[in-house]
Amino acid sequence: MRTKFRNRTEAGQLLAAGLKHYSNRSDVLVLGLPRGGVPVAYEVAKALNAPLDICLVRKLGVPGHKELAMGAIASDGVRVLNYDVVSWLGISSKTIDEVAARELRELQRRDRAYRGDRPLPSVKNSTVILVDDGLATGATMRAAIAVLKQEQPQSIIVAVPVAPRSLCDELKAEVDKVVCVATPEPFYAIGLWYEDFSQTTDEEVHNLLAQASSQLAMSG
């Protein structure tokens, strides 16, 4: 196995090589998880000649224990709740609504910053390739999967450059396919498997989405 990816661009190019089967298909949509997943997703979308967009999700943290997720929300208002956590802690619907409203405002702000005035893509009946720069705990990816499922895609493929093998195996039960370039053991952290893992900026996300959109228009 290779030791490290040079950067997210190279990681995306290598990931795309394992997704050739989805090239030039009108039903395929590539969604990157901002921010770090977008440069990876950009390379995948470019190689497959597929549209690129973002899957903006936010975990709904339990008040006072934000790391514990009681659900997740997407920028179009789709909400998924973890009923086990909600009932175990006796969280009221009023509390859920307050947290969801706050997180929705932040998601909508990011959505405007990233997508501008471009409309949300239609996910229904699409083959969605969900891309991040790696998986550690899988919490954000699971939130994205849960939210996407409510929008009735034809199939969901999780595609990442690097993740623990055990997590990839778990996710196979939740989606149609998992594609992962490297599954090093021991894993430790995503950033260890990149030579350059510098933070992706809001501006980069916005620019990559705009670039992908104009490239697709030219090729179409």
N, C-alpha and C. Protein backbone atom coordinates (compact mmCIF):
# COMPACT_ATOMS: atom_id res chain seq x y z
N MET A 1 0.83 -1.20 0.00
CA MET A 1 0.00 0.00 0.00
C MET A 1 0.86 1.26 0.00
N ARG A 2 0.40 2.27 -0.71
CA ARG A 2 1.11 3.54 -0.71
C ARG A 2 1.16 4.10 0.71
N THR A 3 2.14 4.91 1.02
CA THR A 3 2.25 5.43 2.38
C THR A 3 1.28 6.56 2.64
N LYS A 4 1.33 7.59 1.76
CA LYS A 4 0.47 8.76 1.97
C LYS A 4 0.03 9.35 0.64
N PHE A 5 -1.11 10.05 0.68
CA PHE A 5 -1.53 10.84 -0.47
C PHE A 5 -0.79 12.17 -0.41
N ARG A 6 -0.41 12.71 -1.57
CA ARG A 6 0.27 14.00 -1.56
C ARG A 6 -0.66 15.09 -1.02
N ASN A 7 -1.89 15.09 -1.50
CA ASN A 7 -2.88 16.09 -1.09
C ASN A 7 -4.27 15.58 -1.48
N ARG A 8 -5.29 16.40 -1.28
CA ARG A 8 -6.66 15.97 -1.59
C ARG A 8 -6.87 15.79 -3.09
N THR A 9 -6.14 16.57 -3.88
CA THR A 9 -6.27 16.45 -5.34
C THR A 9 -5.83 15.06 -5.80
N GLU A 10 -4.65 14.64 -5.36
CA GLU A 10 -4.17 13.31 -5.73
C GLU A 10 -5.09 12.22 -5.17
N ALA A 11 -5.56 12.41 -3.95
CA ALA A 11 -6.46 11.43 -3.34
C ALA A 11 -7.73 11.27 -4.18
N GLY A 12 -8.25 12.40 -4.68
CA GLY A 12 -9.45 12.36 -5.52
C GLY A 12 -9.21 11.65 -6.84
N GLN A 13 -8.05 11.88 -7.41
CA GLN A 13 -7.72 11.23 -8.69
C GLN A 13 -7.61 9.71 -8.53
N LEU A 14 -6.99 9.28 -7.44
CA LEU A 14 -6.86 7.85 -7.18
C LEU A 14 -8.21 7.22 -6.85
N LEU A 15 -9.04 7.97 -6.14
CA LEU A 15 -10.38 7.48 -5.79
C LEU A 15 -11.21 7.32 -7.07
N ALA A 16 -11.10 8.29 -7.97
CA ALA A 16 -11.87 8.26 -9.22
C ALA A 16 -11.54 7.01 -10.05
N ALA A 17 -10.29 6.55 -9.95
CA ALA A 17 -9.87 5.36 -10.71
C ALA A 17 -10.69 4.13 -10.33
N GLY A 18 -11.17 4.09 -9.09
CA GLY A 18 -11.98 2.97 -8.63
C GLY A 18 -13.47 3.15 -8.87
N LEU A 19 -13.83 4.24 -9.56
CA LEU A 19 -15.24 4.55 -9.80
C LEU A 19 -15.55 4.69 -11.30
N LYS A 20 -14.65 4.18 -12.15
CA LYS A 20 -14.78 4.35 -13.60
C LYS A 20 -16.13 3.85 -14.14
N HIS A 21 -16.66 2.85 -13.47
CA HIS A 21 -17.94 2.25 -13.88
C HIS A 21 -19.06 3.30 -13.95
N TYR A 22 -18.89 4.40 -13.21
CA TYR A 22 -19.95 5.43 -13.15
C TYR A 22 -19.71 6.60 -14.12
N SER A 23 -18.72 6.47 -15.00
CA SER A 23 -18.39 7.55 -15.95
C SER A 23 -19.51 7.78 -16.96
N ASN A 24 -19.69 9.05 -17.32
CA ASN A 24 -20.59 9.45 -18.41
C ASN A 24 -22.00 8.88 -18.29
N ARG A 25 -22.50 8.82 -17.06
CA ARG A 25 -23.87 8.35 -16.85
C ARG A 25 -24.75 9.52 -16.41
N SER A 26 -25.91 9.63 -17.03
CA SER A 26 -26.77 10.79 -16.77
C SER A 26 -27.42 10.73 -15.38
N ASP A 27 -27.41 9.55 -14.75
CA ASP A 27 -28.08 9.43 -13.44
C ASP A 27 -27.13 9.66 -12.26
N VAL A 28 -25.84 9.89 -12.55
CA VAL A 28 -24.85 9.99 -11.46
C VAL A 28 -24.68 11.43 -10.98
N LEU A 29 -24.63 11.59 -9.65
CA LEU A 29 -24.41 12.88 -9.01
C LEU A 29 -23.33 12.69 -7.95
N VAL A 30 -22.29 13.52 -7.98
CA VAL A 30 -21.22 13.45 -6.98
C VAL A 30 -21.46 14.54 -5.93
N LEU A 31 -21.52 14.14 -4.67
CA LEU A 31 -21.73 15.09 -3.58
C LEU A 31 -20.54 15.05 -2.63
N GLY A 32 -19.90 16.21 -2.41
CA GLY A 32 -18.79 16.30 -1.48
C GLY A 32 -19.26 16.80 -0.13
N LEU A 33 -18.66 16.28 0.94
CA LEU A 33 -18.97 16.78 2.28
C LEU A 33 -18.01 17.92 2.60
N PRO A 34 -18.55 19.15 2.73
CA PRO A 34 -17.66 20.30 3.02
C PRO A 34 -17.03 20.17 4.40
N ARG A 35 -15.81 20.74 4.57
CA ARG A 35 -15.17 21.37 3.44
C ARG A 35 -14.17 20.44 2.77
N GLY A 36 -13.48 19.64 3.57
CA GLY A 36 -12.36 18.84 3.04
C GLY A 36 -12.73 17.83 1.98
N GLY A 37 -13.99 17.39 1.97
CA GLY A 37 -14.40 16.40 0.97
C GLY A 37 -14.58 16.98 -0.43
N VAL A 38 -14.72 18.31 -0.52
CA VAL A 38 -15.04 18.92 -1.82
C VAL A 38 -13.88 18.86 -2.83
N PRO A 39 -12.62 19.16 -2.44
CA PRO A 39 -11.53 19.01 -3.42
C PRO A 39 -11.38 17.57 -3.92
N VAL A 40 -11.66 16.60 -3.06
CA VAL A 40 -11.61 15.18 -3.45
C VAL A 40 -12.75 14.89 -4.42
N ALA A 41 -13.94 15.34 -4.07
CA ALA A 41 -15.14 15.12 -4.90
C ALA A 41 -15.01 15.80 -6.25
N TYR A 42 -14.34 16.95 -6.28
CA TYR A 42 -14.14 17.69 -7.53
C TYR A 42 -13.39 16.83 -8.55
N GLU A 43 -12.32 16.17 -8.07
CA GLU A 43 -11.53 15.32 -8.97
C GLU A 43 -12.35 14.11 -9.44
N VAL A 44 -13.16 13.57 -8.55
CA VAL A 44 -14.02 12.43 -8.91
C VAL A 44 -15.03 12.85 -9.97
N ALA A 45 -15.71 13.98 -9.75
CA ALA A 45 -16.72 14.46 -10.69
C ALA A 45 -16.10 14.76 -12.06
N LYS A 46 -14.91 15.37 -12.04
CA LYS A 46 -14.22 15.72 -13.29
C LYS A 46 -13.89 14.44 -14.08
N ALA A 47 -13.36 13.45 -13.38
CA ALA A 47 -12.97 12.20 -14.05
C ALA A 47 -14.18 11.43 -14.58
N LEU A 48 -15.30 11.52 -13.88
CA LEU A 48 -16.50 10.76 -14.29
C LEU A 48 -17.40 11.55 -15.24
N ASN A 49 -17.05 12.83 -15.46
CA ASN A 49 -17.91 13.72 -16.25
C ASN A 49 -19.31 13.78 -15.65
N ALA A 50 -19.34 14.00 -14.34
CA ALA A 50 -20.61 14.02 -13.59
C ALA A 50 -20.76 15.36 -12.88
N PRO A 51 -22.00 15.78 -12.60
CA PRO A 51 -22.19 17.02 -11.85
C PRO A 51 -21.69 16.90 -10.42
N LEU A 52 -21.19 18.02 -9.89
CA LEU A 52 -20.69 18.07 -8.52
C LEU A 52 -21.55 19.02 -7.70
N ASP A 53 -21.89 18.60 -6.51
CA ASP A 53 -22.55 19.51 -5.56
C ASP A 53 -22.08 19.13 -4.16
N ILE A 54 -22.69 19.74 -3.17
CA ILE A 54 -22.29 19.46 -1.79
C ILE A 54 -23.45 18.82 -1.03
N CYS A 55 -23.09 18.03 -0.05
CA CYS A 55 -24.08 17.47 0.87
C CYS A 55 -23.82 18.12 2.22
N LEU A 56 -24.60 19.15 2.50
CA LEU A 56 -24.41 19.90 3.75
C LEU A 56 -25.26 19.27 4.83
N VAL A 57 -24.62 18.70 5.82
CA VAL A 57 -25.34 18.15 6.96
C VAL A 57 -24.72 18.67 8.24
N ARG A 58 -25.52 18.68 9.26
CA ARG A 58 -25.01 19.11 10.56
C ARG A 58 -25.62 18.22 11.62
N LYS A 59 -24.77 17.73 12.49
CA LYS A 59 -25.29 16.92 13.59
C LYS A 59 -26.07 17.84 14.54
N LEU A 60 -27.13 17.32 15.12
CA LEU A 60 -27.86 18.04 16.17
C LEU A 60 -27.33 17.52 17.50
N GLY A 61 -26.50 18.33 18.14
CA GLY A 61 -25.89 17.91 19.40
C GLY A 61 -26.84 18.07 20.57
N VAL A 62 -26.74 17.16 21.52
CA VAL A 62 -27.53 17.26 22.76
C VAL A 62 -27.04 18.48 23.55
N PRO A 63 -27.94 19.38 23.94
CA PRO A 63 -27.51 20.55 24.72
C PRO A 63 -26.67 20.14 25.94
N GLY A 64 -25.51 20.76 26.07
CA GLY A 64 -24.61 20.42 27.18
C GLY A 64 -23.68 19.25 26.87
N HIS A 65 -24.01 18.50 25.82
CA HIS A 65 -23.17 17.37 25.39
C HIS A 65 -23.15 17.36 23.87
N LYS A 66 -22.59 18.41 23.29
CA LYS A 66 -22.70 18.62 21.84
C LYS A 66 -22.11 17.50 21.00
N GLU A 67 -21.16 16.77 21.59
CA GLU A 67 -20.54 15.68 20.82
C GLU A 67 -21.49 14.50 20.65
N LEU A 68 -22.53 14.43 21.49
CA LEU A 68 -23.53 13.36 21.40
C LEU A 68 -24.64 13.78 20.44
N ALA A 69 -24.81 13.04 19.36
CA ALA A 69 -25.79 13.42 18.33
C ALA A 69 -27.18 12.88 18.67
N MET A 70 -28.16 13.79 18.67
CA MET A 70 -29.55 13.35 18.82
C MET A 70 -30.24 13.32 17.45
N GLY A 71 -29.48 13.68 16.41
CA GLY A 71 -30.02 13.66 15.07
C GLY A 71 -29.13 14.44 14.12
N ALA A 72 -29.67 14.71 12.95
CA ALA A 72 -28.94 15.47 11.94
C ALA A 72 -29.92 16.26 11.10
N ILE A 73 -29.42 17.31 10.46
CA ILE A 73 -30.27 18.16 9.63
C ILE A 73 -29.53 18.53 8.35
N ALA A 74 -30.29 18.70 7.27
CA ALA A 74 -29.71 19.13 6.00
C ALA A 74 -30.19 20.53 5.68
N SER A 75 -29.50 21.18 4.71
CA SER A 75 -29.80 22.59 4.43
C SER A 75 -31.19 22.81 3.85
N ASP A 76 -31.81 21.76 3.29
CA ASP A 76 -33.16 21.94 2.76
C ASP A 76 -34.23 21.62 3.80
N GLY A 77 -33.80 21.46 5.06
CA GLY A 77 -34.76 21.27 6.15
C GLY A 77 -35.06 19.83 6.50
N VAL A 78 -34.49 18.87 5.75
CA VAL A 78 -34.70 17.45 6.08
C VAL A 78 -34.07 17.17 7.43
N ARG A 79 -34.82 16.51 8.29
CA ARG A 79 -34.35 16.25 9.65
C ARG A 79 -34.44 14.76 9.96
N VAL A 80 -33.40 14.22 10.56
CA VAL A 80 -33.37 12.82 10.97
C VAL A 80 -33.07 12.80 12.46
N LEU A 81 -33.86 12.05 13.23
CA LEU A 81 -33.63 12.01 14.68
C LEU A 81 -33.15 10.64 15.13
N ASN A 82 -32.29 10.64 16.14
CA ASN A 82 -31.86 9.41 16.79
C ASN A 82 -32.80 9.20 17.98
N TYR A 83 -33.85 8.44 17.74
CA TYR A 83 -34.91 8.31 18.76
C TYR A 83 -34.43 7.63 20.03
N ASP A 84 -33.42 6.77 19.92
CA ASP A 84 -32.87 6.12 21.12
C ASP A 84 -32.32 7.16 22.09
N VAL A 85 -31.52 8.10 21.53
CA VAL A 85 -30.92 9.15 22.36
C VAL A 85 -31.99 10.09 22.89
N VAL A 86 -32.94 10.46 22.02
CA VAL A 86 -34.01 11.40 22.41
C VAL A 86 -34.84 10.83 23.57
N SER A 87 -35.23 9.56 23.46
CA SER A 87 -36.07 8.98 24.53
C SER A 87 -35.25 8.67 25.78
N TRP A 88 -34.01 8.23 25.61
CA TRP A 88 -33.13 7.90 26.75
C TRP A 88 -32.90 9.14 27.61
N LEU A 89 -32.70 10.28 26.97
CA LEU A 89 -32.43 11.51 27.72
C LEU A 89 -33.69 12.35 27.95
N GLY A 90 -34.83 11.90 27.43
CA GLY A 90 -36.08 12.63 27.62
C GLY A 90 -36.03 14.04 27.04
N ILE A 91 -35.47 14.17 25.85
CA ILE A 91 -35.33 15.49 25.21
C ILE A 91 -36.67 15.92 24.62
N SER A 92 -37.10 17.12 24.96
CA SER A 92 -38.41 17.60 24.50
C SER A 92 -38.35 18.04 23.04
N SER A 93 -39.52 18.02 22.39
CA SER A 93 -39.58 18.45 20.98
C SER A 93 -39.24 19.93 20.87
N LYS A 94 -39.53 20.70 21.93
CA LYS A 94 -39.19 22.14 21.93
C LYS A 94 -37.67 22.32 21.86
N THR A 95 -36.94 21.53 22.66
CA THR A 95 -35.46 21.59 22.65
C THR A 95 -34.91 21.19 21.29
N ILE A 96 -35.46 20.13 20.72
CA ILE A 96 -35.01 19.67 19.40
C ILE A 96 -35.23 20.77 18.36
N ASP A 97 -36.42 21.40 18.42
CA ASP A 97 -36.74 22.46 17.46
C ASP A 97 -35.78 23.65 17.59
N GLU A 98 -35.44 23.99 18.83
CA GLU A 98 -34.52 25.12 19.06
C GLU A 98 -33.13 24.84 18.50
N VAL A 99 -32.62 23.64 18.78
CA VAL A 99 -31.29 23.25 18.28
C VAL A 99 -31.32 23.18 16.75
N ALA A 100 -32.37 22.57 16.20
CA ALA A 100 -32.49 22.42 14.75
C ALA A 100 -32.57 23.77 14.05
N ALA A 101 -33.31 24.71 14.63
CA ALA A 101 -33.45 26.04 14.03
C ALA A 101 -32.09 26.76 13.97
N ARG A 102 -31.33 26.63 15.07
CA ARG A 102 -30.01 27.28 15.13
C ARG A 102 -29.06 26.66 14.09
N GLU A 103 -29.06 25.32 14.01
CA GLU A 103 -28.17 24.64 13.07
C GLU A 103 -28.60 24.88 11.62
N LEU A 104 -29.91 25.01 11.40
CA LEU A 104 -30.40 25.26 10.05
C LEU A 104 -29.95 26.63 9.55
N ARG A 105 -29.94 27.60 10.43
CA ARG A 105 -29.47 28.95 10.05
C ARG A 105 -28.00 28.89 9.60
N GLU A 106 -27.20 28.15 10.35
CA GLU A 106 -25.78 28.02 10.01
C GLU A 106 -25.61 27.27 8.68
N LEU A 107 -26.41 26.23 8.49
CA LEU A 107 -26.32 25.47 7.24
C LEU A 107 -26.72 26.32 6.05
N GLN A 108 -27.77 27.12 6.22
CA GLN A 108 -28.23 27.97 5.12
C GLN A 108 -27.18 29.04 4.79
N ARG A 109 -26.50 29.54 5.82
CA ARG A 109 -25.43 30.52 5.60
C ARG A 109 -24.32 29.87 4.77
N ARG A 110 -23.93 28.67 5.16
CA ARG A 110 -22.88 27.96 4.41
C ARG A 110 -23.33 27.64 2.99
N ASP A 111 -24.58 27.25 2.87
CA ASP A 111 -25.13 26.91 1.56
C ASP A 111 -25.01 28.10 0.60
N ARG A 112 -25.38 29.28 1.09
CA ARG A 112 -25.28 30.50 0.26
C ARG A 112 -23.82 30.81 -0.08
N ALA A 113 -22.94 30.62 0.92
CA ALA A 113 -21.51 30.91 0.71
C ALA A 113 -20.90 29.96 -0.32
N TYR A 114 -21.33 28.70 -0.30
CA TYR A 114 -20.74 27.69 -1.18
C TYR A 114 -21.40 27.64 -2.55
N ARG A 115 -22.73 27.60 -2.56
CA ARG A 115 -23.45 27.36 -3.81
C ARG A 115 -23.90 28.65 -4.49
N GLY A 116 -23.99 29.74 -3.74
CA GLY A 116 -24.49 31.00 -4.31
C GLY A 116 -25.96 30.86 -4.66
N ASP A 117 -26.34 31.25 -5.88
CA ASP A 117 -27.76 31.17 -6.24
C ASP A 117 -28.09 29.93 -7.07
N ARG A 118 -27.14 28.99 -7.17
CA ARG A 118 -27.45 27.75 -7.91
C ARG A 118 -28.43 26.92 -7.10
N PRO A 119 -29.44 26.33 -7.75
CA PRO A 119 -30.46 25.57 -7.01
C PRO A 119 -29.90 24.27 -6.45
N LEU A 120 -30.60 23.74 -5.45
CA LEU A 120 -30.23 22.43 -4.90
C LEU A 120 -30.44 21.36 -5.97
N PRO A 121 -29.55 20.38 -6.04
CA PRO A 121 -29.74 19.32 -7.04
C PRO A 121 -30.86 18.37 -6.61
N SER A 122 -31.51 17.76 -7.58
CA SER A 122 -32.51 16.74 -7.28
C SER A 122 -31.80 15.41 -7.08
N VAL A 123 -32.03 14.81 -5.93
CA VAL A 123 -31.36 13.55 -5.58
C VAL A 123 -32.22 12.35 -5.94
N LYS A 124 -33.53 12.56 -6.01
CA LYS A 124 -34.48 11.46 -6.23
C LYS A 124 -34.13 10.67 -7.49
N ASN A 125 -34.07 9.35 -7.33
CA ASN A 125 -33.78 8.39 -8.41
C ASN A 125 -32.37 8.52 -9.00
N SER A 126 -31.49 9.29 -8.35
CA SER A 126 -30.11 9.42 -8.82
C SER A 126 -29.21 8.37 -8.16
N THR A 127 -28.09 8.11 -8.81
CA THR A 127 -27.01 7.33 -8.19
C THR A 127 -26.07 8.36 -7.56
N VAL A 128 -26.08 8.42 -6.24
CA VAL A 128 -25.31 9.45 -5.53
C VAL A 128 -23.99 8.88 -5.04
N ILE A 129 -22.90 9.54 -5.44
CA ILE A 129 -21.58 9.17 -4.92
C ILE A 129 -21.21 10.21 -3.86
N LEU A 130 -21.18 9.77 -2.62
CA LEU A 130 -20.97 10.64 -1.46
C LEU A 130 -19.49 10.58 -1.09
N VAL A 131 -18.81 11.74 -1.17
CA VAL A 131 -17.34 11.76 -1.05
C VAL A 131 -16.88 12.61 0.13
N ASP A 132 -15.93 12.08 0.89
CA ASP A 132 -15.23 12.88 1.91
C ASP A 132 -13.73 12.60 1.76
N ASP A 133 -12.91 13.36 2.50
CA ASP A 133 -11.46 13.16 2.37
C ASP A 133 -10.95 12.00 3.23
N GLY A 134 -11.85 11.38 3.97
CA GLY A 134 -11.50 10.24 4.80
C GLY A 134 -12.57 10.06 5.86
N LEU A 135 -12.56 8.91 6.51
CA LEU A 135 -13.50 8.64 7.61
C LEU A 135 -12.70 8.26 8.84
N ALA A 136 -13.10 8.82 9.97
CA ALA A 136 -12.47 8.44 11.25
C ALA A 136 -13.51 7.71 12.11
N THR A 137 -14.54 8.47 12.56
CA THR A 137 -15.62 7.83 13.32
C THR A 137 -16.82 7.51 12.41
N GLY A 138 -16.92 8.24 11.29
CA GLY A 138 -18.04 8.02 10.37
C GLY A 138 -19.31 8.75 10.74
N ALA A 139 -19.28 9.56 11.81
CA ALA A 139 -20.51 10.21 12.30
C ALA A 139 -21.13 11.15 11.27
N THR A 140 -20.30 12.00 10.65
CA THR A 140 -20.83 12.94 9.67
C THR A 140 -21.33 12.22 8.43
N MET A 141 -20.59 11.21 7.99
CA MET A 141 -21.02 10.44 6.82
C MET A 141 -22.35 9.74 7.10
N ARG A 142 -22.50 9.21 8.31
CA ARG A 142 -23.76 8.53 8.65
C ARG A 142 -24.93 9.52 8.66
N ALA A 143 -24.66 10.74 9.13
CA ALA A 143 -25.69 11.78 9.11
C ALA A 143 -26.08 12.09 7.67
N ALA A 144 -25.08 12.19 6.80
CA ALA A 144 -25.34 12.47 5.38
C ALA A 144 -26.15 11.34 4.74
N ILE A 145 -25.80 10.11 5.06
CA ILE A 145 -26.52 8.95 4.50
C ILE A 145 -27.99 8.98 4.95
N ALA A 146 -28.19 9.22 6.25
CA ALA A 146 -29.56 9.23 6.79
C ALA A 146 -30.41 10.31 6.13
N VAL A 147 -29.82 11.48 5.95
CA VAL A 147 -30.54 12.60 5.33
C VAL A 147 -30.83 12.29 3.86
N LEU A 148 -29.84 11.76 3.16
CA LEU A 148 -30.01 11.45 1.73
C LEU A 148 -31.10 10.41 1.49
N LYS A 149 -31.14 9.41 2.36
CA LYS A 149 -32.12 8.32 2.18
C LYS A 149 -33.55 8.85 2.16
N GLN A 150 -33.79 9.94 2.89
CA GLN A 150 -35.14 10.51 2.92
C GLN A 150 -35.51 11.13 1.57
N GLU A 151 -34.49 11.40 0.76
CA GLU A 151 -34.76 12.05 -0.54
C GLU A 151 -34.83 11.03 -1.68
N GLN A 152 -34.85 9.75 -1.32
CA GLN A 152 -35.10 8.64 -2.24
C GLN A 152 -34.19 8.56 -3.47
N PRO A 153 -32.87 8.51 -3.26
CA PRO A 153 -31.99 8.25 -4.40
C PRO A 153 -32.14 6.81 -4.87
N GLN A 154 -31.70 6.56 -6.10
CA GLN A 154 -31.71 5.19 -6.61
C GLN A 154 -30.71 4.33 -5.82
N SER A 155 -29.51 4.89 -5.61
CA SER A 155 -28.49 4.18 -4.83
C SER A 155 -27.50 5.19 -4.25
N ILE A 156 -26.84 4.78 -3.17
CA ILE A 156 -25.83 5.62 -2.52
C ILE A 156 -24.51 4.86 -2.48
N ILE A 157 -23.47 5.51 -2.99
CA ILE A 157 -22.11 4.94 -2.94
C ILE A 157 -21.27 5.86 -2.06
N VAL A 158 -20.67 5.33 -1.01
CA VAL A 158 -19.75 6.10 -0.18
C VAL A 158 -18.35 5.90 -0.75
N ALA A 159 -17.67 7.01 -1.05
CA ALA A 159 -16.34 6.91 -1.65
C ALA A 159 -15.36 7.82 -0.90
N VAL A 160 -14.31 7.21 -0.35
CA VAL A 160 -13.31 7.97 0.42
C VAL A 160 -11.91 7.44 0.12
N PRO A 161 -10.90 8.30 0.21
CA PRO A 161 -9.53 7.83 -0.01
C PRO A 161 -9.01 6.91 1.10
N VAL A 162 -9.41 7.20 2.34
CA VAL A 162 -8.83 6.45 3.46
C VAL A 162 -9.81 6.33 4.62
N ALA A 163 -9.82 5.15 5.25
CA ALA A 163 -10.73 4.90 6.39
C ALA A 163 -10.31 3.60 7.06
N PRO A 164 -10.71 3.41 8.32
CA PRO A 164 -10.46 2.12 8.96
C PRO A 164 -11.28 1.03 8.27
N ARG A 165 -10.70 -0.13 8.08
CA ARG A 165 -11.40 -1.23 7.40
C ARG A 165 -12.71 -1.59 8.11
N SER A 166 -12.68 -1.60 9.44
CA SER A 166 -13.88 -1.99 10.19
C SER A 166 -15.05 -1.04 9.92
N LEU A 167 -14.74 0.24 9.77
CA LEU A 167 -15.79 1.24 9.51
C LEU A 167 -16.35 1.06 8.09
N CYS A 168 -15.49 0.79 7.14
CA CYS A 168 -15.95 0.52 5.77
C CYS A 168 -16.89 -0.68 5.75
N ASP A 169 -16.54 -1.71 6.50
CA ASP A 169 -17.38 -2.91 6.56
C ASP A 169 -18.74 -2.60 7.18
N GLU A 170 -18.75 -1.78 8.22
CA GLU A 170 -20.02 -1.39 8.86
C GLU A 170 -20.91 -0.61 7.89
N LEU A 171 -20.30 0.32 7.16
CA LEU A 171 -21.07 1.17 6.25
C LEU A 171 -21.66 0.39 5.07
N LYS A 172 -21.04 -0.73 4.74
CA LYS A 172 -21.56 -1.56 3.63
C LYS A 172 -22.98 -2.03 3.90
N ALA A 173 -23.33 -2.12 5.17
CA ALA A 173 -24.70 -2.54 5.53
C ALA A 173 -25.70 -1.39 5.38
N GLU A 174 -25.19 -0.15 5.27
CA GLU A 174 -26.07 1.02 5.25
C GLU A 174 -26.25 1.63 3.86
N VAL A 175 -25.33 1.33 2.94
CA VAL A 175 -25.40 1.91 1.59
C VAL A 175 -25.23 0.80 0.55
N ASP A 176 -25.32 1.17 -0.72
CA ASP A 176 -25.24 0.17 -1.79
C ASP A 176 -23.80 -0.29 -2.06
N LYS A 177 -22.84 0.63 -1.85
CA LYS A 177 -21.45 0.28 -2.11
C LYS A 177 -20.53 1.21 -1.34
N VAL A 178 -19.38 0.70 -0.91
CA VAL A 178 -18.34 1.53 -0.28
C VAL A 178 -17.05 1.34 -1.08
N VAL A 179 -16.48 2.47 -1.53
CA VAL A 179 -15.21 2.43 -2.27
C VAL A 179 -14.18 3.19 -1.44
N CYS A 180 -13.09 2.52 -1.09
CA CYS A 180 -12.04 3.14 -0.28
C CYS A 180 -10.68 2.73 -0.83
N VAL A 181 -9.82 3.72 -1.08
CA VAL A 181 -8.50 3.44 -1.68
C VAL A 181 -7.58 2.72 -0.69
N ALA A 182 -7.54 3.21 0.55
CA ALA A 182 -6.61 2.65 1.54
C ALA A 182 -7.31 2.43 2.88
N THR A 183 -7.03 1.29 3.50
CA THR A 183 -7.58 0.99 4.83
C THR A 183 -6.44 0.60 5.77
N PRO A 184 -5.59 1.58 6.12
CA PRO A 184 -4.41 1.27 6.95
C PRO A 184 -4.79 0.87 8.37
N GLU A 185 -4.01 -0.03 8.93
CA GLU A 185 -4.17 -0.41 10.34
C GLU A 185 -2.80 -0.37 11.02
N PRO A 186 -2.66 0.26 12.18
CA PRO A 186 -3.67 1.06 12.87
C PRO A 186 -3.95 2.37 12.14
N PHE A 187 -5.13 2.93 12.36
CA PHE A 187 -5.57 4.07 11.56
C PHE A 187 -5.17 5.41 12.17
N TYR A 188 -5.49 5.64 13.43
CA TYR A 188 -5.22 6.88 14.19
C TYR A 188 -6.04 8.08 13.70
N ALA A 189 -5.65 8.75 12.60
CA ALA A 189 -6.35 9.96 12.17
C ALA A 189 -6.20 10.16 10.67
N ILE A 190 -7.19 10.80 10.04
CA ILE A 190 -7.18 11.01 8.58
C ILE A 190 -5.94 11.77 8.14
N GLY A 191 -5.61 12.86 8.86
CA GLY A 191 -4.52 13.74 8.46
C GLY A 191 -3.17 13.05 8.36
N LEU A 192 -2.99 11.93 9.08
CA LEU A 192 -1.71 11.20 9.04
C LEU A 192 -1.44 10.60 7.67
N TRP A 193 -2.48 10.42 6.87
CA TRP A 193 -2.34 9.73 5.59
C TRP A 193 -2.25 10.70 4.41
N TYR A 194 -2.05 11.98 4.74
CA TYR A 194 -1.85 13.02 3.73
C TYR A 194 -0.55 13.77 4.03
N GLU A 195 0.24 14.04 2.99
CA GLU A 195 1.40 14.90 3.19
C GLU A 195 0.96 16.34 3.42
N ASP A 196 -0.05 16.77 2.65
CA ASP A 196 -0.63 18.11 2.83
C ASP A 196 -2.09 17.95 3.19
N PHE A 197 -2.43 18.27 4.45
CA PHE A 197 -3.82 18.15 4.91
C PHE A 197 -4.29 19.51 5.44
N SER A 198 -3.82 20.58 4.76
CA SER A 198 -4.19 21.92 5.21
C SER A 198 -5.69 22.14 5.03
N GLN A 199 -6.25 23.00 5.85
CA GLN A 199 -7.69 23.20 5.88
C GLN A 199 -8.21 23.79 4.56
N THR A 200 -9.30 23.24 4.08
CA THR A 200 -9.96 23.78 2.89
C THR A 200 -10.79 25.00 3.32
N THR A 201 -10.73 26.08 2.55
CA THR A 201 -11.45 27.30 2.92
C THR A 201 -12.83 27.34 2.26
N ASP A 202 -13.70 28.20 2.80
CA ASP A 202 -15.02 28.41 2.20
C ASP A 202 -14.88 28.87 0.75
N GLU A 203 -13.89 29.73 0.51
CA GLU A 203 -13.67 30.27 -0.84
C GLU A 203 -13.29 29.16 -1.82
N GLU A 204 -12.43 28.24 -1.37
CA GLU A 204 -12.04 27.11 -2.22
C GLU A 204 -13.25 26.27 -2.60
N VAL A 205 -14.11 25.99 -1.60
CA VAL A 205 -15.32 25.20 -1.86
C VAL A 205 -16.17 25.89 -2.91
N HIS A 206 -16.40 27.19 -2.72
CA HIS A 206 -17.22 27.98 -3.65
C HIS A 206 -16.62 27.92 -5.06
N ASN A 207 -15.31 28.13 -5.16
CA ASN A 207 -14.64 28.16 -6.46
C ASN A 207 -14.66 26.80 -7.17
N LEU A 208 -14.47 25.73 -6.41
CA LEU A 208 -14.48 24.39 -7.01
C LEU A 208 -15.87 24.04 -7.55
N LEU A 209 -16.91 24.42 -6.82
CA LEU A 209 -18.28 24.16 -7.28
C LEU A 209 -18.58 24.94 -8.57
N ALA A 210 -18.15 26.21 -8.60
CA ALA A 210 -18.37 27.05 -9.77
C ALA A 210 -17.60 26.48 -10.98
N GLN A 211 -16.36 26.08 -10.72
CA GLN A 211 -15.51 25.51 -11.78
C GLN A 211 -16.11 24.24 -12.35
N ALA A 212 -16.58 23.36 -11.47
CA ALA A 212 -17.17 22.09 -11.90
C ALA A 212 -18.42 22.34 -12.74
N SER A 213 -19.20 23.33 -12.32
CA SER A 213 -20.44 23.65 -13.03
C SER A 213 -20.15 24.15 -14.45
N SER A 214 -19.14 25.02 -14.60
CA SER A 214 -18.82 25.57 -15.93
C SER A 214 -18.16 24.51 -16.81
N GLN A 215 -17.35 23.63 -16.21
CA GLN A 215 -16.72 22.54 -16.99
C GLN A 215 -17.76 21.59 -17.56
N LEU A 216 -18.77 21.27 -16.74
CA LEU A 216 -19.82 20.35 -17.17
C LEU A 216 -20.65 20.99 -18.29
N ALA A 217 -20.91 22.29 -18.16
CA ALA A 217 -21.68 23.00 -19.18
C ALA A 217 -20.94 22.97 -20.52
N MET A 218 -19.61 23.13 -20.46
CA MET A 218 -18.81 23.13 -21.69
C MET A 218 -18.77 21.73 -22.33
N SER A 219 -18.64 20.70 -21.46
CA SER A 219 -18.54 19.34 -22.00
C SER A 219 -19.89 18.84 -22.52
N GLY A 220 -20.99 19.39 -21.92
CA GLY A 220 -22.32 18.98 -22.34
C GLY A 220 -22.73 19.68 -23.61
